Amino acid sequence: MRLLIACDMEGITGVTRWEHCEPDHAEYQRFRKRMTKDVNAVIRGLTRFLWRTGITADKIC
């Protein structure tokens, strides 16, 4: 099994306006870090799920 996680900044925790996704916005770096934390949480959840169910994945990157 292979898993693909695709993410964009719109809709992550705390982003409420399109301007937050623009690199020149004052809070862009904060939201980049938040997006990384959100994606890492998904990876942790998937890893736990796969481990508990015995499903194997080729790679989790």
C-alpha atoms as a PDB file:
ATOM      1  CA  MET A   1       0.000   0.000   0.000  1.00  0.00           C
ATOM      2  CA  ARG A   2       1.189   3.502  -0.755  1.00  0.00           C
ATOM      3  CA  LEU A   3      -0.109   6.636   0.864  1.00  0.00           C
ATOM      4  CA  LEU A   4      -0.080  10.140  -0.561  1.00  0.00           C
ATOM      5  CA  ILE A   5      -0.696  13.113   1.670  1.00  0.00           C
ATOM      6  CA  ALA A   6      -1.323  16.329  -0.228  1.00  0.00           C
ATOM      7  CA  CYS A   7      -1.698  19.537   1.714  1.00  0.00           C
ATOM      8  CA  ASP A   8      -2.183  23.193   0.979  1.00  0.00           C
ATOM      9  CA  MET A   9      -2.359  26.020   3.432  1.00  0.00           C
ATOM     10  CA  GLU A  10      -6.015  26.924   2.943  1.00  0.00           C
ATOM     11  CA  GLY A  11      -8.078  25.291   5.635  1.00  0.00           C
ATOM     12  CA  ILE A  12      -5.330  24.374   8.091  1.00  0.00           C
ATOM     13  CA  THR A  13      -5.675  25.263  11.752  1.00  0.00           C
ATOM     14  CA  GLY A  14      -6.049  29.020  12.185  1.00  0.00           C
ATOM     15  CA  VAL A  15      -6.053  30.112   8.536  1.00  0.00           C
ATOM     16  CA  THR A  16      -9.212  32.128   8.041  1.00  0.00           C
ATOM     17  CA  ARG A  17      -8.287  34.446   5.181  1.00  0.00           C
ATOM     18  CA  TRP A  18      -6.597  33.939   1.837  1.00  0.00           C
ATOM     19  CA  GLU A  19      -4.039  36.598   2.745  1.00  0.00           C
ATOM     20  CA  HIS A  20      -2.632  34.266   5.421  1.00  0.00           C
ATOM     21  CA  CYS A  21      -1.345  32.044   2.589  1.00  0.00           C
ATOM     22  CA  GLU A  22       0.685  34.744   0.889  1.00  0.00           C
ATOM     23  CA  PRO A  23       4.434  34.687   1.624  1.00  0.00           C
ATOM     24  CA  ASP A  24       4.568  38.438   2.307  1.00  0.00           C
ATOM     25  CA  HIS A  25       1.840  38.274   4.997  1.00  0.00           C
ATOM     26  CA  ALA A  26       3.084  39.006   8.522  1.00  0.00           C
ATOM     27  CA  GLU A  27       1.826  35.663   9.877  1.00  0.00           C
ATOM     28  CA  TYR A  28       2.850  33.454   6.936  1.00  0.00           C
ATOM     29  CA  GLN A  29       5.750  31.823   8.790  1.00  0.00           C
ATOM     30  CA  ARG A  30       3.521  31.033  11.766  1.00  0.00           C
ATOM     31  CA  PHE A  31       0.985  29.351   9.505  1.00  0.00           C
ATOM     32  CA  ARG A  32       3.730  27.392   7.703  1.00  0.00           C
ATOM     33  CA  LYS A  33       4.760  25.958  11.062  1.00  0.00           C
ATOM     34  CA  ARG A  34       1.112  25.235  11.906  1.00  0.00           C
ATOM     35  CA  MET A  35       0.661  23.398   8.601  1.00  0.00           C
ATOM     36  CA  THR A  36       3.735  21.272   9.342  1.00  0.00           C
ATOM     37  CA  LYS A  37       2.280  20.364  12.739  1.00  0.00           C
ATOM     38  CA  ASP A  38      -1.086  19.488  11.175  1.00  0.00           C
ATOM     39  CA  VAL A  39       0.511  17.229   8.552  1.00  0.00           C
ATOM     40  CA  ASN A  40       2.722  15.580  11.167  1.00  0.00           C
ATOM     41  CA  ALA A  41      -0.389  14.863  13.246  1.00  0.00           C
ATOM     42  CA  VAL A  42      -1.965  13.144  10.225  1.00  0.00           C
ATOM     43  CA  ILE A  43       1.168  11.052   9.732  1.00  0.00           C
ATOM     44  CA  ARG A  44       1.204  10.033  13.412  1.00  0.00           C
ATOM     45  CA  GLY A  45      -2.462   9.070  13.222  1.00  0.00           C
ATOM     46  CA  LEU A  46      -1.970   7.035  10.053  1.00  0.00           C
ATOM     47  CA  THR A  47       1.073   5.304  11.507  1.00  0.00           C
ATOM     48  CA  ARG A  48      -0.868   4.298  14.623  1.00  0.00           C
ATOM     49  CA  PHE A  49      -3.826   3.132  12.541  1.00  0.00           C
ATOM     50  CA  LEU A  50      -1.643   1.031  10.250  1.00  0.00           C
ATOM     51  CA  TRP A  51       0.208  -0.472  13.212  1.00  0.00           C
ATOM     52  CA  ARG A  52      -3.018  -1.383  15.039  1.00  0.00           C
ATOM     53  CA  THR A  53      -4.671  -2.901  11.985  1.00  0.00           C
ATOM     54  CA  GLY A  54      -1.605  -4.729  10.712  1.00  0.00           C
ATOM     55  CA  ILE A  55      -1.775  -3.017   7.317  1.00  0.00           C
ATOM     56  CA  THR A  56       1.635  -2.371   5.842  1.00  0.00           C
ATOM     57  CA  ALA A  57       2.648   0.617   3.790  1.00  0.00           C
ATOM     58  CA  ASP A  58       5.642   0.781   1.450  1.00  0.00           C
ATOM     59  CA  LYS A  59       6.738   4.187   2.683  1.00  0.00           C
ATOM     60  CA  ILE A  60       5.529   6.867   5.017  1.00  0.00           C
ATOM     61  CA  CYS A  61       7.447  10.064   4.249  1.00  0.00           C
END
